[in-house]
């Protein structure tokens, strides 16, 4: 039997796991260049990963519901994703004064890991 809700939850979980793993590996790889750069890569990847986790939690909770409720949950997830990601990036670049290029590299890496997780069969 095929359960599309379960498949969606699995995909979201796999994408979050891949993003977290790729972010951790990249931060470890950048550590010899300096702790601030490693923290910057981790912050960039964490921004996307945490945003994706928040969006998945909002979108996939509640089970089967009418279409308007699903759309509201989906839209709330998208808004939460970008607000959370924006807040973490604002902290990383503004408050913590981390280098911008490694932060953006962490964001890009996490987004590539999300696509790779979605394309995997």
PDB file of N, CA and C in Angstrom:
ATOM      1  N   UNK A   1       0.838  -1.168   0.000  1.00  0.00           N
ATOM      2  CA  UNK A   1       0.000   0.000   0.000  1.00  0.00           C
ATOM      3  C   UNK A   1       0.891   1.243   0.000  1.00  0.00           C
ATOM      4  N   UNK A   2       0.500   2.249  -0.774  1.00  0.00           N
ATOM      5  CA  UNK A   2       1.270   3.484  -0.900  1.00  0.00           C
ATOM      6  C   UNK A   2       0.626   4.572  -0.051  1.00  0.00           C
ATOM      7  N   UNK A   3       1.400   5.141   0.847  1.00  0.00           N
ATOM      8  CA  UNK A   3       0.918   6.211   1.707  1.00  0.00           C
ATOM      9  C   UNK A   3       1.683   7.480   1.352  1.00  0.00           C
ATOM     10  N   UNK A   4       1.048   8.423   0.615  1.00  0.00           N
ATOM     11  CA  UNK A   4       1.775   9.624   0.200  1.00  0.00           C
ATOM     12  C   UNK A   4       2.206  10.510   1.376  1.00  0.00           C
ATOM     13  N   UNK A   5       1.449  10.501   2.465  1.00  0.00           N
ATOM     14  CA  UNK A   5       1.859  11.298   3.632  1.00  0.00           C
ATOM     15  C   UNK A   5       3.146  10.756   4.230  1.00  0.00           C
ATOM     16  N   UNK A   6       3.232   9.442   4.327  1.00  0.00           N
ATOM     17  CA  UNK A   6       4.438   8.824   4.866  1.00  0.00           C
ATOM     18  C   UNK A   6       5.631   9.080   3.942  1.00  0.00           C
ATOM     19  N   UNK A   7       5.394   9.007   2.643  1.00  0.00           N
ATOM     20  CA  UNK A   7       6.474   9.272   1.692  1.00  0.00           C
ATOM     21  C   UNK A   7       6.967  10.708   1.812  1.00  0.00           C
ATOM     22  N   UNK A   8       6.064  11.640   1.990  1.00  0.00           N
ATOM     23  CA  UNK A   8       6.458  13.038   2.148  1.00  0.00           C
ATOM     24  C   UNK A   8       7.229  13.272   3.431  1.00  0.00           C
ATOM     25  N   UNK A   9       6.788  12.636   4.490  1.00  0.00           N
ATOM     26  CA  UNK A   9       7.508  12.770   5.763  1.00  0.00           C
ATOM     27  C   UNK A   9       8.916  12.185   5.652  1.00  0.00           C
ATOM     28  N   UNK A  10       9.016  11.051   4.990  1.00  0.00           N
ATOM     29  CA  UNK A  10      10.336  10.434   4.809  1.00  0.00           C
ATOM     30  C   UNK A  10      11.267  11.320   3.995  1.00  0.00           C
ATOM     31  N   UNK A  11      10.729  11.909   2.927  1.00  0.00           N
ATOM     32  CA  UNK A  11      11.540  12.789   2.101  1.00  0.00           C
ATOM     33  C   UNK A  11      12.009  14.004   2.896  1.00  0.00           C
ATOM     34  N   UNK A  12      11.117  14.594   3.678  1.00  0.00           N
ATOM     35  CA  UNK A  12      11.497  15.749   4.487  1.00  0.00           C
ATOM     36  C   UNK A  12      12.567  15.365   5.509  1.00  0.00           C
ATOM     37  N   UNK A  13      12.392  14.221   6.146  1.00  0.00           N
ATOM     38  CA  UNK A  13      13.368  13.762   7.134  1.00  0.00           C
ATOM     39  C   UNK A  13      14.718  13.486   6.483  1.00  0.00           C
ATOM     40  N   UNK A  14      14.695  12.855   5.320  1.00  0.00           N
ATOM     41  CA  UNK A  14      15.940  12.557   4.606  1.00  0.00           C
ATOM     42  C   UNK A  14      16.640  13.847   4.185  1.00  0.00           C
ATOM     43  N   UNK A  15      15.890  14.823   3.695  1.00  0.00           N
ATOM     44  CA  UNK A  15      16.497  16.087   3.269  1.00  0.00           C
ATOM     45  C   UNK A  15      17.139  16.806   4.445  1.00  0.00           C
ATOM     46  N   UNK A  16      16.459  16.818   5.582  1.00  0.00           N
ATOM     47  CA  UNK A  16      17.009  17.480   6.766  1.00  0.00           C
ATOM     48  C   UNK A  16      18.277  16.768   7.241  1.00  0.00           C
ATOM     49  N   UNK A  17      18.250  15.444   7.218  1.00  0.00           N
ATOM     50  CA  UNK A  17      19.425  14.677   7.638  1.00  0.00           C
ATOM     51  C   UNK A  17      20.603  14.931   6.694  1.00  0.00           C
ATOM     52  N   UNK A  18      20.337  14.944   5.400  1.00  0.00           N
ATOM     53  CA  UNK A  18      21.408  15.196   4.437  1.00  0.00           C
ATOM     54  C   UNK A  18      21.960  16.611   4.603  1.00  0.00           C
ATOM     55  N   UNK A  19      21.089  17.579   4.832  1.00  0.00           N
ATOM     56  CA  UNK A  19      21.553  18.946   5.017  1.00  0.00           C
ATOM     57  C   UNK A  19      22.428  19.060   6.264  1.00  0.00           C
ATOM     58  N   UNK A  20      21.982  18.450   7.344  1.00  0.00           N
ATOM     59  CA  UNK A  20      22.751  18.503   8.587  1.00  0.00           C
ATOM     60  C   UNK A  20      24.102  17.810   8.414  1.00  0.00           C
ATOM     61  N   UNK A  21      24.116  16.663   7.765  1.00  0.00           N
ATOM     62  CA  UNK A  21      25.362  15.937   7.545  1.00  0.00           C
ATOM     63  C   UNK A  21      26.324  16.695   6.649  1.00  0.00           C
ATOM     64  N   UNK A  22      25.808  17.249   5.565  1.00  0.00           N
ATOM     65  CA  UNK A  22      26.671  18.005   4.655  1.00  0.00           C
ATOM     66  C   UNK A  22      27.222  19.251   5.336  1.00  0.00           C
ATOM     67  N   UNK A  23      26.401  19.900   6.143  1.00  0.00           N
ATOM     68  CA  UNK A  23      26.858  21.086   6.865  1.00  0.00           C
ATOM     69  C   UNK A  23      27.954  20.723   7.859  1.00  0.00           C
ATOM     70  N   UNK A  24      27.761  19.647   8.593  1.00  0.00           N
ATOM     71  CA  UNK A  24      28.765  19.227   9.572  1.00  0.00           C
ATOM     72  C   UNK A  24      30.083  18.854   8.896  1.00  0.00           C
ATOM     73  N   UNK A  25      30.002  18.111   7.796  1.00  0.00           N
ATOM     74  CA  UNK A  25      31.226  17.738   7.076  1.00  0.00           C
ATOM     75  C   UNK A  25      31.944  18.958   6.519  1.00  0.00           C
ATOM     76  N   UNK A  26      31.193  19.902   5.972  1.00  0.00           N
ATOM     77  CA  UNK A  26      31.824  21.104   5.418  1.00  0.00           C
ATOM     78  C   UNK A  26      32.468  21.939   6.517  1.00  0.00           C
ATOM     79  N   UNK A  27      31.790  22.042   7.658  1.00  0.00           N
ATOM     80  CA  UNK A  27      32.369  22.806   8.769  1.00  0.00           C
ATOM     81  C   UNK A  27      33.658  22.149   9.255  1.00  0.00           C
ATOM     82  N   UNK A  28      33.664  20.831   9.311  1.00  0.00           N
ATOM     83  CA  UNK A  28      34.893  20.125   9.703  1.00  0.00           C
ATOM     84  C   UNK A  28      36.001  20.314   8.675  1.00  0.00           C
ATOM     85  N   UNK A  29      35.633  20.319   7.399  1.00  0.00           N
ATOM     86  CA  UNK A  29      36.638  20.482   6.348  1.00  0.00           C
ATOM     87  C   UNK A  29      37.250  21.880   6.360  1.00  0.00           C
ATOM     88  N   UNK A  30      36.477  22.873   6.784  1.00  0.00           N
ATOM     89  CA  UNK A  30      36.939  24.258   6.779  1.00  0.00           C
ATOM     90  C   UNK A  30      37.664  24.623   8.079  1.00  0.00           C
ATOM     91  N   UNK A  31      37.589  23.782   9.080  1.00  0.00           N
ATOM     92  CA  UNK A  31      38.190  24.071  10.391  1.00  0.00           C
ATOM     93  C   UNK A  31      39.671  24.455  10.312  1.00  0.00           C
ATOM     94  N   UNK A  32      40.502  23.823   9.473  1.00  0.00           N
ATOM     95  CA  UNK A  32      41.912  24.256   9.416  1.00  0.00           C
ATOM     96  C   UNK A  32      42.099  25.705   8.959  1.00  0.00           C
ATOM     97  N   UNK A  33      41.097  26.274   8.284  1.00  0.00           N
ATOM     98  CA  UNK A  33      41.200  27.666   7.827  1.00  0.00           C
ATOM     99  C   UNK A  33      40.857  28.662   8.925  1.00  0.00           C
ATOM    100  N   UNK A  34      40.317  28.161  10.022  1.00  0.00           N
ATOM    101  CA  UNK A  34      39.971  29.044  11.132  1.00  0.00           C
ATOM    102  C   UNK A  34      38.617  28.690  11.719  1.00  0.00           C
ATOM    103  N   UNK A  35      38.536  28.882  13.015  1.00  0.00           N
ATOM    104  CA  UNK A  35      37.284  28.543  13.701  1.00  0.00           C
ATOM    105  C   UNK A  35      36.141  29.447  13.280  1.00  0.00           C
ATOM    106  N   UNK A  36      36.434  30.720  12.965  1.00  0.00           N
ATOM    107  CA  UNK A  36      35.370  31.625  12.547  1.00  0.00           C
ATOM    108  C   UNK A  36      34.776  31.207  11.208  1.00  0.00           C
ATOM    109  N   UNK A  37      35.599  30.702  10.314  1.00  0.00           N
ATOM    110  CA  UNK A  37      35.091  30.245   9.018  1.00  0.00           C
ATOM    111  C   UNK A  37      34.272  28.957   9.164  1.00  0.00           C
ATOM    112  N   UNK A  38      34.737  28.065  10.025  1.00  0.00           N
ATOM    113  CA  UNK A  38      33.988  26.826  10.268  1.00  0.00           C
ATOM    114  C   UNK A  38      32.640  27.144  10.897  1.00  0.00           C
ATOM    115  N   UNK A  39      32.618  28.068  11.839  1.00  0.00           N
ATOM    116  CA  UNK A  39      31.362  28.470  12.466  1.00  0.00           C
ATOM    117  C   UNK A  39      30.449  29.160  11.459  1.00  0.00           C
ATOM    118  N   UNK A  40      31.043  29.922  10.539  1.00  0.00           N
ATOM    119  CA  UNK A  40      30.247  30.594   9.511  1.00  0.00           C
ATOM    120  C   UNK A  40      29.584  29.590   8.574  1.00  0.00           C
ATOM    121  N   UNK A  41      30.329  28.582   8.146  1.00  0.00           N
ATOM    122  CA  UNK A  41      29.741  27.543   7.290  1.00  0.00           C
ATOM    123  C   UNK A  41      28.636  26.816   8.042  1.00  0.00           C
ATOM    124  N   UNK A  42      28.882  26.503   9.305  1.00  0.00           N
ATOM    125  CA  UNK A  42      27.872  25.820  10.112  1.00  0.00           C
ATOM    126  C   UNK A  42      26.629  26.684  10.290  1.00  0.00           C
ATOM    127  N   UNK A  43      26.802  27.980  10.484  1.00  0.00           N
ATOM    128  CA  UNK A  43      25.651  28.871  10.656  1.00  0.00           C
ATOM    129  C   UNK A  43      24.841  28.981   9.376  1.00  0.00           C
ATOM    130  N   UNK A  44      25.501  29.071   8.238  1.00  0.00           N
ATOM    131  CA  UNK A  44      24.788  29.137   6.961  1.00  0.00           C
ATOM    132  C   UNK A  44      23.999  27.874   6.678  1.00  0.00           C
ATOM    133  N   UNK A  45      24.634  26.733   6.907  1.00  0.00           N
ATOM    134  CA  UNK A  45      23.928  25.470   6.703  1.00  0.00           C
ATOM    135  C   UNK A  45      22.819  25.264   7.714  1.00  0.00           C
ATOM    136  N   UNK A  46      23.056  25.688   8.951  1.00  0.00           N
ATOM    137  CA  UNK A  46      22.035  25.544   9.991  1.00  0.00           C
ATOM    138  C   UNK A  46      20.820  26.416   9.693  1.00  0.00           C
ATOM    139  N   UNK A  47      21.037  27.580   9.086  1.00  0.00           N
ATOM    140  CA  UNK A  47      19.910  28.452   8.744  1.00  0.00           C
ATOM    141  C   UNK A  47      18.945  27.743   7.808  1.00  0.00           C
ATOM    142  N   UNK A  48      19.484  27.124   6.781  1.00  0.00           N
ATOM    143  CA  UNK A  48      18.631  26.422   5.815  1.00  0.00           C
ATOM    144  C   UNK A  48      18.048  25.152   6.424  1.00  0.00           C
ATOM    145  N   UNK A  49      18.850  24.422   7.177  1.00  0.00           N
ATOM    146  CA  UNK A  49      18.397  23.171   7.772  1.00  0.00           C
ATOM    147  C   UNK A  49      17.288  23.413   8.794  1.00  0.00           C
ATOM    148  N   UNK A  50      17.476  24.380   9.670  1.00  0.00           N
ATOM    149  CA  UNK A  50      16.445  24.686  10.669  1.00  0.00           C
ATOM    150  C   UNK A  50      15.176  25.216  10.008  1.00  0.00           C
ATOM    151  N   UNK A  51      15.342  26.034   8.982  1.00  0.00           N
ATOM    152  CA  UNK A  51      14.168  26.520   8.249  1.00  0.00           C
ATOM    153  C   UNK A  51      13.403  25.377   7.590  1.00  0.00           C
ATOM    154  N   UNK A  52      14.124  24.444   7.004  1.00  0.00           N
ATOM    155  CA  UNK A  52      13.483  23.278   6.392  1.00  0.00           C
ATOM    156  C   UNK A  52      12.787  22.396   7.409  1.00  0.00           C
ATOM    157  N   UNK A  53      13.407  22.247   8.571  1.00  0.00           N
ATOM    158  CA  UNK A  53      12.785  21.442   9.625  1.00  0.00           C
ATOM    159  C   UNK A  53      11.496  22.090  10.123  1.00  0.00           C
ATOM    160  N   UNK A  54      11.517  23.410  10.275  1.00  0.00           N
ATOM    161  CA  UNK A  54      10.307  24.118  10.713  1.00  0.00           C
ATOM    162  C   UNK A  54       9.202  23.996   9.666  1.00  0.00           C
ATOM    163  N   UNK A  55       9.566  24.134   8.397  1.00  0.00           N
ATOM    164  CA  UNK A  55       8.575  24.020   7.326  1.00  0.00           C
ATOM    165  C   UNK A  55       7.990  22.611   7.269  1.00  0.00           C
ATOM    166  N   UNK A  56       8.830  21.611   7.413  1.00  0.00           N
ATOM    167  CA  UNK A  56       8.345  20.224   7.387  1.00  0.00           C
ATOM    168  C   UNK A  56       7.432  19.945   8.574  1.00  0.00           C
ATOM    169  N   UNK A  57       7.804  20.452   9.742  1.00  0.00           N
ATOM    170  CA  UNK A  57       6.975  20.227  10.927  1.00  0.00           C
ATOM    171  C   UNK A  57       5.611  20.857  10.749  1.00  0.00           C
ATOM    172  N   UNK A  58       5.562  22.079  10.217  1.00  0.00           N
ATOM    173  CA  UNK A  58       4.271  22.740  10.030  1.00  0.00           C
ATOM    174  C   UNK A  58       3.457  22.090   8.918  1.00  0.00           C
ATOM    175  N   UNK A  59       4.124  21.685   7.842  1.00  0.00           N
ATOM    176  CA  UNK A  59       3.396  21.154   6.690  1.00  0.00           C
ATOM    177  C   UNK A  59       2.880  19.739   6.920  1.00  0.00           C
ATOM    178  N   UNK A  60       3.621  18.907   7.647  1.00  0.00           N
ATOM    179  CA  UNK A  60       3.262  17.496   7.748  1.00  0.00           C
ATOM    180  C   UNK A  60       2.497  17.121   9.002  1.00  0.00           C
ATOM    181  N   UNK A  61       2.305  18.034   9.913  1.00  0.00           N
ATOM    182  CA  UNK A  61       1.504  17.690  11.085  1.00  0.00           C
ATOM    183  C   UNK A  61       0.031  17.844  10.726  1.00  0.00           C
ATOM    184  N   UNK A  62      -0.814  17.126  11.390  1.00  0.00           N
ATOM    185  CA  UNK A  62      -2.247  17.269  11.161  1.00  0.00           C
ATOM    186  C   UNK A  62      -2.859  16.187  10.300  1.00  0.00           C
ATOM    187  N   UNK A  63      -2.056  15.436   9.569  1.00  0.00           N
ATOM    188  CA  UNK A  63      -2.593  14.346   8.767  1.00  0.00           C
ATOM    189  C   UNK A  63      -3.461  14.825   7.613  1.00  0.00           C
ATOM    190  N   UNK A  64      -4.447  14.019   7.256  1.00  0.00           N
ATOM    191  CA  UNK A  64      -5.319  14.314   6.126  1.00  0.00           C
ATOM    192  C   UNK A  64      -6.351  15.350   6.562  1.00  0.00           C
ATOM    193  N   UNK A  65      -6.413  16.441   5.816  1.00  0.00           N
ATOM    194  CA  UNK A  65      -7.346  17.526   6.100  1.00  0.00           C
ATOM    195  C   UNK A  65      -7.848  18.089   4.786  1.00  0.00           C
ATOM    196  N   UNK A  66      -8.861  18.974   4.841  1.00  0.00           N
ATOM    197  CA  UNK A  66      -9.340  19.615   3.611  1.00  0.00           C
ATOM    198  C   UNK A  66      -8.240  20.424   2.939  1.00  0.00           C
ATOM    199  N   UNK A  67      -8.437  20.679   1.657  1.00  0.00           N
ATOM    200  CA  UNK A  67      -7.399  21.336   0.857  1.00  0.00           C
ATOM    201  C   UNK A  67      -7.030  22.705   1.401  1.00  0.00           C
ATOM    202  N   UNK A  68      -7.992  23.477   1.851  1.00  0.00           N
ATOM    203  CA  UNK A  68      -7.650  24.809   2.339  1.00  0.00           C
ATOM    204  C   UNK A  68      -6.768  24.747   3.592  1.00  0.00           C
ATOM    205  N   UNK A  69      -6.988  23.757   4.431  1.00  0.00           N
ATOM    206  CA  UNK A  69      -6.153  23.599   5.629  1.00  0.00           C
ATOM    207  C   UNK A  69      -4.732  23.187   5.246  1.00  0.00           C
ATOM    208  N   UNK A  70      -4.623  22.331   4.245  1.00  0.00           N
ATOM    209  CA  UNK A  70      -3.300  21.901   3.778  1.00  0.00           C
ATOM    210  C   UNK A  70      -2.549  23.082   3.176  1.00  0.00           C
ATOM    211  N   UNK A  71      -3.240  23.904   2.386  1.00  0.00           N
ATOM    212  CA  UNK A  71      -2.590  25.077   1.797  1.00  0.00           C
ATOM    213  C   UNK A  71      -2.144  26.077   2.860  1.00  0.00           C
ATOM    214  N   UNK A  72      -2.963  26.264   3.873  1.00  0.00           N
ATOM    215  CA  UNK A  72      -2.591  27.177   4.956  1.00  0.00           C
ATOM    216  C   UNK A  72      -1.358  26.648   5.684  1.00  0.00           C
ATOM    217  N   UNK A  73      -1.334  25.338   5.959  1.00  0.00           N
ATOM    218  CA  UNK A  73      -0.168  24.749   6.628  1.00  0.00           C
ATOM    219  C   UNK A  73       1.074  24.862   5.762  1.00  0.00           C
ATOM    220  N   UNK A  74       0.913  24.597   4.467  1.00  0.00           N
ATOM    221  CA  UNK A  74       2.044  24.697   3.553  1.00  0.00           C
ATOM    222  C   UNK A  74       2.580  26.122   3.510  1.00  0.00           C
ATOM    223  N   UNK A  75       1.687  27.092   3.369  1.00  0.00           N
ATOM    224  CA  UNK A  75       2.112  28.483   3.296  1.00  0.00           C
ATOM    225  C   UNK A  75       2.760  28.923   4.606  1.00  0.00           C
ATOM    226  N   UNK A  76       2.199  28.502   5.720  1.00  0.00           N
ATOM    227  CA  UNK A  76       2.792  28.829   7.025  1.00  0.00           C
ATOM    228  C   UNK A  76       4.191  28.228   7.130  1.00  0.00           C
ATOM    229  N   UNK A  77       4.376  27.029   6.590  1.00  0.00           N
ATOM    230  CA  UNK A  77       5.693  26.406   6.591  1.00  0.00           C
ATOM    231  C   UNK A  77       6.700  27.174   5.759  1.00  0.00           C
ATOM    232  N   UNK A  78       6.279  27.645   4.597  1.00  0.00           N
ATOM    233  CA  UNK A  78       7.174  28.421   3.738  1.00  0.00           C
ATOM    234  C   UNK A  78       7.565  29.732   4.420  1.00  0.00           C
ATOM    235  N   UNK A  79       6.590  30.402   5.011  1.00  0.00           N
ATOM    236  CA  UNK A  79       6.879  31.662   5.703  1.00  0.00           C
ATOM    237  C   UNK A  79       7.810  31.404   6.893  1.00  0.00           C
ATOM    238  N   UNK A  80       7.524  30.368   7.659  1.00  0.00           N
ATOM    239  CA  UNK A  80       8.377  30.047   8.816  1.00  0.00           C
ATOM    240  C   UNK A  80       9.787  29.699   8.364  1.00  0.00           C
ATOM    241  N   UNK A  81       9.895  28.963   7.260  1.00  0.00           N
ATOM    242  CA  UNK A  81      11.220  28.589   6.741  1.00  0.00           C
ATOM    243  C   UNK A  81      12.059  29.822   6.469  1.00  0.00           C
ATOM    244  N   UNK A  82      11.529  30.758   5.733  1.00  0.00           N
ATOM    245  CA  UNK A  82      12.333  31.904   5.340  1.00  0.00           C
ATOM    246  C   UNK A  82      12.525  32.908   6.473  1.00  0.00           C
ATOM    247  N   UNK A  83      11.558  32.998   7.377  1.00  0.00           N
ATOM    248  CA  UNK A  83      11.751  33.879   8.530  1.00  0.00           C
ATOM    249  C   UNK A  83      12.843  33.331   9.450  1.00  0.00           C
ATOM    250  N   UNK A  84      12.810  32.029   9.697  1.00  0.00           N
ATOM    251  CA  UNK A  84      13.822  31.416  10.554  1.00  0.00           C
ATOM    252  C   UNK A  84      15.200  31.473   9.896  1.00  0.00           C
ATOM    253  N   UNK A  85      15.253  31.158   8.609  1.00  0.00           N
ATOM    254  CA  UNK A  85      16.530  31.225   7.894  1.00  0.00           C
ATOM    255  C   UNK A  85      17.059  32.660   7.882  1.00  0.00           C
ATOM    256  N   UNK A  86      16.190  33.616   7.655  1.00  0.00           N
ATOM    257  CA  UNK A  86      16.610  35.020   7.657  1.00  0.00           C
ATOM    258  C   UNK A  86      17.104  35.470   9.017  1.00  0.00           C
ATOM    259  N   UNK A  87      16.435  35.005  10.071  1.00  0.00           N
ATOM    260  CA  UNK A  87      16.852  35.379  11.424  1.00  0.00           C
ATOM    261  C   UNK A  87      18.233  34.808  11.748  1.00  0.00           C
ATOM    262  N   UNK A  88      18.459  33.548  11.395  1.00  0.00           N
ATOM    263  CA  UNK A  88      19.769  32.936  11.662  1.00  0.00           C
ATOM    264  C   UNK A  88      20.857  33.622  10.836  1.00  0.00           C
ATOM    265  N   UNK A  89      20.549  33.950   9.586  1.00  0.00           N
ATOM    266  CA  UNK A  89      21.537  34.640   8.754  1.00  0.00           C
ATOM    267  C   UNK A  89      21.811  36.050   9.272  1.00  0.00           C
ATOM    268  N   UNK A  90      20.775  36.726   9.757  1.00  0.00           N
ATOM    269  CA  UNK A  90      20.980  38.061  10.334  1.00  0.00           C
ATOM    270  C   UNK A  90      21.854  37.984  11.584  1.00  0.00           C
ATOM    271  N   UNK A  91      21.638  36.963  12.399  1.00  0.00           N
ATOM    272  CA  UNK A  91      22.497  36.770  13.566  1.00  0.00           C
ATOM    273  C   UNK A  91      23.937  36.494  13.146  1.00  0.00           C
ATOM    274  N   UNK A  92      24.097  35.610  12.167  1.00  0.00           N
ATOM    275  CA  UNK A  92      25.444  35.214  11.742  1.00  0.00           C
ATOM    276  C   UNK A  92      26.215  36.387  11.150  1.00  0.00           C
ATOM    277  N   UNK A  93      25.551  37.158  10.308  1.00  0.00           N
ATOM    278  CA  UNK A  93      26.262  38.237   9.618  1.00  0.00           C
ATOM    279  C   UNK A  93      26.274  39.532  10.417  1.00  0.00           C
ATOM    280  N   UNK A  94      25.195  39.818  11.138  1.00  0.00           N
ATOM    281  CA  UNK A  94      25.090  41.089  11.838  1.00  0.00           C
ATOM    282  C   UNK A  94      25.608  41.040  13.257  1.00  0.00           C
ATOM    283  N   UNK A  95      25.048  40.167  14.063  1.00  0.00           N
ATOM    284  CA  UNK A  95      25.391  40.131  15.483  1.00  0.00           C
ATOM    285  C   UNK A  95      26.734  39.450  15.719  1.00  0.00           C
ATOM    286  N   UNK A  96      26.919  38.272  15.131  1.00  0.00           N
ATOM    287  CA  UNK A  96      28.137  37.508  15.378  1.00  0.00           C
ATOM    288  C   UNK A  96      29.296  37.934  14.492  1.00  0.00           C
ATOM    289  N   UNK A  97      29.023  38.713  13.450  1.00  0.00           N
ATOM    290  CA  UNK A  97      30.051  39.213  12.529  1.00  0.00           C
ATOM    291  C   UNK A  97      30.910  38.112  11.926  1.00  0.00           C
ATOM    292  N   UNK A  98      30.258  37.052  11.475  1.00  0.00           N
ATOM    293  CA  UNK A  98      30.984  35.956  10.817  1.00  0.00           C
ATOM    294  C   UNK A  98      31.278  36.344   9.370  1.00  0.00           C
ATOM    295  N   UNK A  99      32.314  35.776   8.767  1.00  0.00           N
ATOM    296  CA  UNK A  99      32.632  36.112   7.378  1.00  0.00           C
ATOM    297  C   UNK A  99      31.495  35.700   6.439  1.00  0.00           C
ATOM    298  N   UNK A 100      31.157  36.594   5.522  1.00  0.00           N
ATOM    299  CA  UNK A 100      29.979  36.407   4.668  1.00  0.00           C
ATOM    300  C   UNK A 100      30.135  35.262   3.664  1.00  0.00           C
ATOM    301  N   UNK A 101      31.296  35.127   3.053  1.00  0.00           N
ATOM    302  CA  UNK A 101      31.464  34.107   2.017  1.00  0.00           C
ATOM    303  C   UNK A 101      31.285  32.685   2.564  1.00  0.00           C
ATOM    304  N   UNK A 102      31.873  32.328   3.693  1.00  0.00           N
ATOM    305  CA  UNK A 102      31.610  30.993   4.232  1.00  0.00           C
ATOM    306  C   UNK A 102      30.154  30.787   4.663  1.00  0.00           C
ATOM    307  N   UNK A 103      29.489  31.840   5.139  1.00  0.00           N
ATOM    308  CA  UNK A 103      28.065  31.722   5.486  1.00  0.00           C
ATOM    309  C   UNK A 103      27.272  31.377   4.230  1.00  0.00           C
ATOM    310  N   UNK A 104      27.524  32.099   3.170  1.00  0.00           N
ATOM    311  CA  UNK A 104      26.813  31.830   1.917  1.00  0.00           C
ATOM    312  C   UNK A 104      27.173  30.461   1.344  1.00  0.00           C
ATOM    313  N   UNK A 105      28.412  30.036   1.530  1.00  0.00           N
ATOM    314  CA  UNK A 105      28.810  28.695   1.087  1.00  0.00           C
ATOM    315  C   UNK A 105      28.036  27.629   1.862  1.00  0.00           C
ATOM    316  N   UNK A 106      27.836  27.841   3.157  1.00  0.00           N
ATOM    317  CA  UNK A 106      27.044  26.908   3.955  1.00  0.00           C
ATOM    318  C   UNK A 106      25.597  26.853   3.503  1.00  0.00           C
ATOM    319  N   UNK A 107      25.034  28.014   3.162  1.00  0.00           N
ATOM    320  CA  UNK A 107      23.660  28.059   2.646  1.00  0.00           C
ATOM    321  C   UNK A 107      23.578  27.280   1.339  1.00  0.00           C
ATOM    322  N   UNK A 108      24.494  27.549   0.426  1.00  0.00           N
ATOM    323  CA  UNK A 108      24.493  26.868  -0.874  1.00  0.00           C
ATOM    324  C   UNK A 108      24.670  25.363  -0.711  1.00  0.00           C
ATOM    325  N   UNK A 109      25.563  24.971   0.155  1.00  0.00           N
ATOM    326  CA  UNK A 109      25.807  23.551   0.382  1.00  0.00           C
ATOM    327  C   UNK A 109      24.557  22.849   0.916  1.00  0.00           C
ATOM    328  N   UNK A 110      23.873  23.478   1.856  1.00  0.00           N
ATOM    329  CA  UNK A 110      22.661  22.878   2.416  1.00  0.00           C
ATOM    330  C   UNK A 110      21.558  22.784   1.371  1.00  0.00           C
ATOM    331  N   UNK A 111      21.448  23.779   0.496  1.00  0.00           N
ATOM    332  CA  UNK A 111      20.441  23.715  -0.563  1.00  0.00           C
ATOM    333  C   UNK A 111      20.762  22.627  -1.584  1.00  0.00           C
ATOM    334  N   UNK A 112      22.041  22.458  -1.904  1.00  0.00           N
ATOM    335  CA  UNK A 112      22.448  21.382  -2.826  1.00  0.00           C
ATOM    336  C   UNK A 112      22.173  20.022  -2.193  1.00  0.00           C
ATOM    337  N   UNK A 113      22.422  19.894  -0.896  1.00  0.00           N
ATOM    338  CA  UNK A 113      22.140  18.630  -0.205  1.00  0.00           C
ATOM    339  C   UNK A 113      20.649  18.333  -0.203  1.00  0.00           C
ATOM    340  N   UNK A 114      19.816  19.370  -0.101  1.00  0.00           N
ATOM    341  CA  UNK A 114      18.368  19.168  -0.153  1.00  0.00           C
ATOM    342  C   UNK A 114      17.948  18.636  -1.514  1.00  0.00           C
ATOM    343  N   UNK A 115      18.488  19.197  -2.561  1.00  0.00           N
ATOM    344  CA  UNK A 115      18.170  18.732  -3.923  1.00  0.00           C
ATOM    345  C   UNK A 115      18.672  17.313  -4.119  1.00  0.00           C
ATOM    346  N   UNK A 116      19.875  17.020  -3.625  1.00  0.00           N
ATOM    347  CA  UNK A 116      20.426  15.665  -3.765  1.00  0.00           C
ATOM    348  C   UNK A 116      19.566  14.648  -3.033  1.00  0.00           C
ATOM    349  N   UNK A 117      19.067  15.013  -1.877  1.00  0.00           N
ATOM    350  CA  UNK A 117      18.197  14.093  -1.125  1.00  0.00           C
ATOM    351  C   UNK A 117      16.879  13.874  -1.859  1.00  0.00           C
ATOM    352  N   UNK A 118      16.369  14.912  -2.498  1.00  0.00           N
ATOM    353  CA  UNK A 118      15.097  14.784  -3.230  1.00  0.00           C
ATOM    354  C   UNK A 118      15.265  13.949  -4.495  1.00  0.00           C
ATOM    355  N   UNK A 119      16.436  14.025  -5.129  1.00  0.00           N
ATOM    356  CA  UNK A 119      16.660  13.286  -6.371  1.00  0.00           C
ATOM    357  C   UNK A 119      17.004  11.817  -6.139  1.00  0.00           C
ATOM    358  N   UNK A 120      17.434  11.493  -4.933  1.00  0.00           N
ATOM    359  CA  UNK A 120      17.819  10.109  -4.616  1.00  0.00           C
ATOM    360  C   UNK A 120      16.589   9.204  -4.605  1.00  0.00           C
ATOM    361  N   UNK A 121      16.704   8.077  -5.183  1.00  0.00           N
ATOM    362  CA  UNK A 121      15.594   7.102  -5.196  1.00  0.00           C
ATOM    363  C   UNK A 121      15.962   5.895  -4.398  1.00  0.00           C
TER     364      UNK A 121
END
